[in-house]
Amino acid sequence: MRIGVVSDTHNNLKNVGKIVELFNEARVDTVVHTGDITQAKTIEVFAHLDAPMYGVFGNNDQERDSLEEAITRHGFIFCEPPFTVTWAERELIVVHDPLEFNGYINHDHDLALHGHTHLHRLETWGDKTTIFNPGECAGHMTGYNAIGVVDLVSLQTELLRF
């Protein structure tokens, strides 16, 4: 199972269109958004994904009524962090701000995803937990934006820059 990871889209509709294109080309099974969508019109662009989308709300997701309505209309699933799920026999935890891991992350988690910092992060916590943030994706400089793809069987990560 391959999942797409995106964060902090901050209503950059042009980039979100490119993100959707990249995830569809990569044929990910699921997309995880780690927060800061900002407005419902961004969800309308994500509706063109060929995969379901799950996610958490971030500190800039303040237009909650319209966001939640659009998320529900398109069959996506979002919640307050942390979001925990088991996919492909892997335990995942998803937050927006990495500080939200405190008190929730544990050594049973295989993959921990976050956003908020706009910085790429790939490290191992403890003896098995991969912590991953693909980094910036709402910027305006071509080649510096990135989303991620994670193979849940191997826990290999890939950055897709655009």
Protein backbone atom coordinates (compact mmCIF):
# COMPACT_ATOMS: atom_id res chain seq x y z
CA MET A 1 0.00 0.00 0.00
CA ARG A 2 1.32 3.41 -1.00
CA ILE A 3 0.10 6.57 0.67
CA GLY A 4 0.53 10.14 -0.45
CA VAL A 5 1.43 12.65 2.26
CA VAL A 6 0.74 16.37 1.98
CA SER A 7 0.63 19.21 4.45
CA ASP A 8 0.13 22.93 4.76
CA THR A 9 -1.48 23.55 1.38
CA HIS A 10 -2.65 26.93 2.72
CA ASN A 11 -5.15 27.48 -0.07
CA ASN A 12 -2.58 27.54 -2.87
CA LEU A 13 -5.01 26.20 -5.47
CA LYS A 14 -2.47 26.10 -8.31
CA ASN A 15 -0.14 23.91 -6.24
CA VAL A 16 -3.01 21.73 -5.02
CA GLY A 17 -3.93 21.05 -8.64
CA LYS A 18 -0.34 19.93 -9.26
CA ILE A 19 -0.40 17.83 -6.06
CA VAL A 20 -3.54 16.04 -7.23
CA GLU A 21 -1.90 15.38 -10.60
CA LEU A 22 1.26 14.00 -8.96
CA PHE A 23 -0.63 11.72 -6.56
CA ASN A 24 -2.83 10.42 -9.39
CA GLU A 25 0.24 9.75 -11.55
CA ALA A 26 1.92 7.96 -8.61
CA ARG A 27 -1.22 5.84 -8.17
CA VAL A 28 -1.26 6.17 -4.41
CA ASP A 29 -3.89 4.12 -2.59
CA THR A 30 -4.71 6.82 -0.05
CA VAL A 31 -3.75 10.43 0.63
CA VAL A 32 -3.08 11.81 4.10
CA HIS A 33 -3.28 15.57 4.68
CA THR A 34 -1.55 16.67 7.85
CA GLY A 35 -3.43 19.93 8.23
CA ASP A 36 -3.68 23.58 7.23
CA ILE A 37 -5.94 23.27 4.23
CA THR A 38 -7.40 26.66 5.18
CA GLN A 39 -10.53 26.93 3.01
CA ALA A 40 -13.20 24.67 1.52
CA LYS A 41 -12.30 25.63 -2.06
CA THR A 42 -9.05 23.67 -1.57
CA ILE A 43 -11.09 20.54 -0.82
CA GLU A 44 -12.91 21.07 -4.12
CA VAL A 45 -9.57 20.69 -5.94
CA PHE A 46 -8.63 17.63 -3.86
CA ALA A 47 -11.94 16.10 -4.99
CA HIS A 48 -10.14 15.22 -8.25
CA LEU A 49 -7.93 12.68 -6.45
CA ASP A 50 -8.23 9.09 -7.63
CA ALA A 51 -7.78 7.97 -4.00
CA PRO A 52 -9.59 8.62 -0.72
CA MET A 53 -8.20 11.32 1.56
CA TYR A 54 -7.86 11.28 5.33
CA GLY A 55 -6.42 13.97 7.51
CA VAL A 56 -6.25 16.17 10.54
CA PHE A 57 -7.08 19.81 11.05
CA GLY A 58 -4.28 22.32 11.57
CA ASN A 59 -4.03 25.62 13.39
CA ASN A 60 -5.00 27.58 10.24
CA ASP A 61 -8.13 25.53 9.51
CA GLN A 62 -10.44 28.05 11.11
CA GLU A 63 -13.29 28.04 8.57
CA ARG A 64 -14.38 24.73 10.05
CA ASP A 65 -18.06 24.70 9.07
CA SER A 66 -17.37 25.11 5.35
CA LEU A 67 -14.32 22.84 5.49
CA GLU A 68 -16.22 20.05 7.24
CA GLU A 69 -19.13 20.37 4.82
CA ALA A 70 -16.82 20.05 1.80
CA ILE A 71 -14.88 17.18 3.38
CA THR A 72 -18.12 15.28 4.07
CA ARG A 73 -19.55 16.01 0.61
CA HIS A 74 -16.50 14.46 -1.05
CA GLY A 75 -16.33 11.45 1.26
CA PHE A 76 -13.04 12.43 2.88
CA ILE A 77 -12.39 11.78 6.57
CA PHE A 78 -10.75 14.39 8.81
CA CYS A 79 -10.54 14.77 12.57
CA GLU A 80 -8.78 16.65 15.31
CA PRO A 81 -5.26 15.32 15.82
CA PRO A 82 -4.11 12.77 16.59
CA PHE A 83 -5.53 10.48 13.92
CA THR A 84 -4.49 6.88 14.38
CA VAL A 85 -5.11 4.08 11.92
CA THR A 86 -3.82 0.65 10.94
CA TRP A 87 -3.16 0.16 7.23
CA ALA A 88 -1.20 -2.71 5.68
CA GLU A 89 -0.49 -4.01 9.19
CA ARG A 90 1.28 -0.74 10.04
CA GLU A 91 0.30 1.52 12.93
CA LEU A 92 0.16 5.19 11.90
CA ILE A 93 -0.29 8.37 13.89
CA VAL A 94 -0.99 11.70 12.18
CA VAL A 95 -0.83 15.16 13.75
CA HIS A 96 -0.38 18.67 12.42
CA ASP A 97 2.12 20.22 14.82
CA PRO A 98 4.84 17.76 15.88
CA LEU A 99 4.31 18.91 19.48
CA GLU A 100 0.95 17.12 19.26
CA PHE A 101 2.81 13.80 19.30
CA ASN A 102 3.50 14.38 23.01
CA GLY A 103 1.59 11.87 25.09
CA TYR A 104 0.26 10.03 22.02
CA ILE A 105 3.16 8.62 20.04
CA ASN A 106 4.47 5.31 21.28
CA HIS A 107 6.76 2.50 20.21
CA ASP A 108 3.87 0.61 18.61
CA HIS A 109 3.63 3.24 15.86
CA ASP A 110 5.44 2.35 12.65
CA LEU A 111 4.87 5.71 10.96
CA ALA A 112 4.30 9.17 12.42
CA LEU A 113 3.27 11.96 10.02
CA HIS A 114 3.16 15.69 10.70
CA GLY A 115 3.24 19.05 9.01
CA HIS A 116 3.22 22.59 10.43
CA THR A 117 6.96 23.30 10.15
CA HIS A 118 7.09 23.44 6.32
CA LEU A 119 10.42 21.59 6.62
CA HIS A 120 11.27 18.14 5.33
CA ARG A 121 11.81 15.63 8.14
CA LEU A 122 12.73 11.97 7.91
CA GLU A 123 14.08 10.31 11.02
CA THR A 124 13.67 7.24 13.20
CA TRP A 125 12.31 7.55 16.71
CA GLY A 126 13.10 4.73 19.08
CA ASP A 127 13.91 1.50 17.33
CA LYS A 128 11.16 1.44 14.71
CA THR A 129 9.03 4.57 14.29
CA THR A 130 9.62 6.55 11.09
CA ILE A 131 8.74 10.24 11.50
CA PHE A 132 8.02 11.96 8.19
CA ASN A 133 7.04 15.41 6.97
CA PRO A 134 7.50 16.05 3.24
CA GLY A 135 7.91 19.77 3.90
CA GLU A 136 6.78 22.83 1.99
CA CYS A 137 4.09 22.50 -0.66
CA ALA A 138 2.37 25.88 -0.67
CA GLY A 139 5.36 27.94 -1.72
CA HIS A 140 5.68 29.88 -4.93
CA MET A 141 9.18 28.78 -5.94
CA THR A 142 9.21 25.96 -8.48
CA GLY A 143 11.27 22.97 -7.42
CA TYR A 144 11.12 23.77 -3.71
CA ASN A 145 7.64 22.38 -3.11
CA ALA A 146 7.34 18.75 -2.09
CA ILE A 147 4.83 16.06 -1.23
CA GLY A 148 5.63 12.54 -0.13
CA VAL A 149 4.84 8.95 -0.99
CA VAL A 150 5.32 6.24 1.62
CA ASP A 151 5.33 2.53 0.86
CA LEU A 152 3.76 1.03 3.97
CA VAL A 153 5.27 -2.41 3.39
CA SER A 154 8.89 -1.23 3.27
CA LEU A 155 8.38 2.18 4.98
CA GLN A 156 10.42 3.71 2.17
CA THR A 157 9.68 7.39 1.58
CA GLU A 158 9.92 9.36 -1.62
CA LEU A 159 9.75 13.12 -2.13
CA LEU A 160 7.98 14.42 -5.21
CA ARG A 161 9.26 17.94 -5.89
CA PHE A 162 7.46 20.39 -8.10
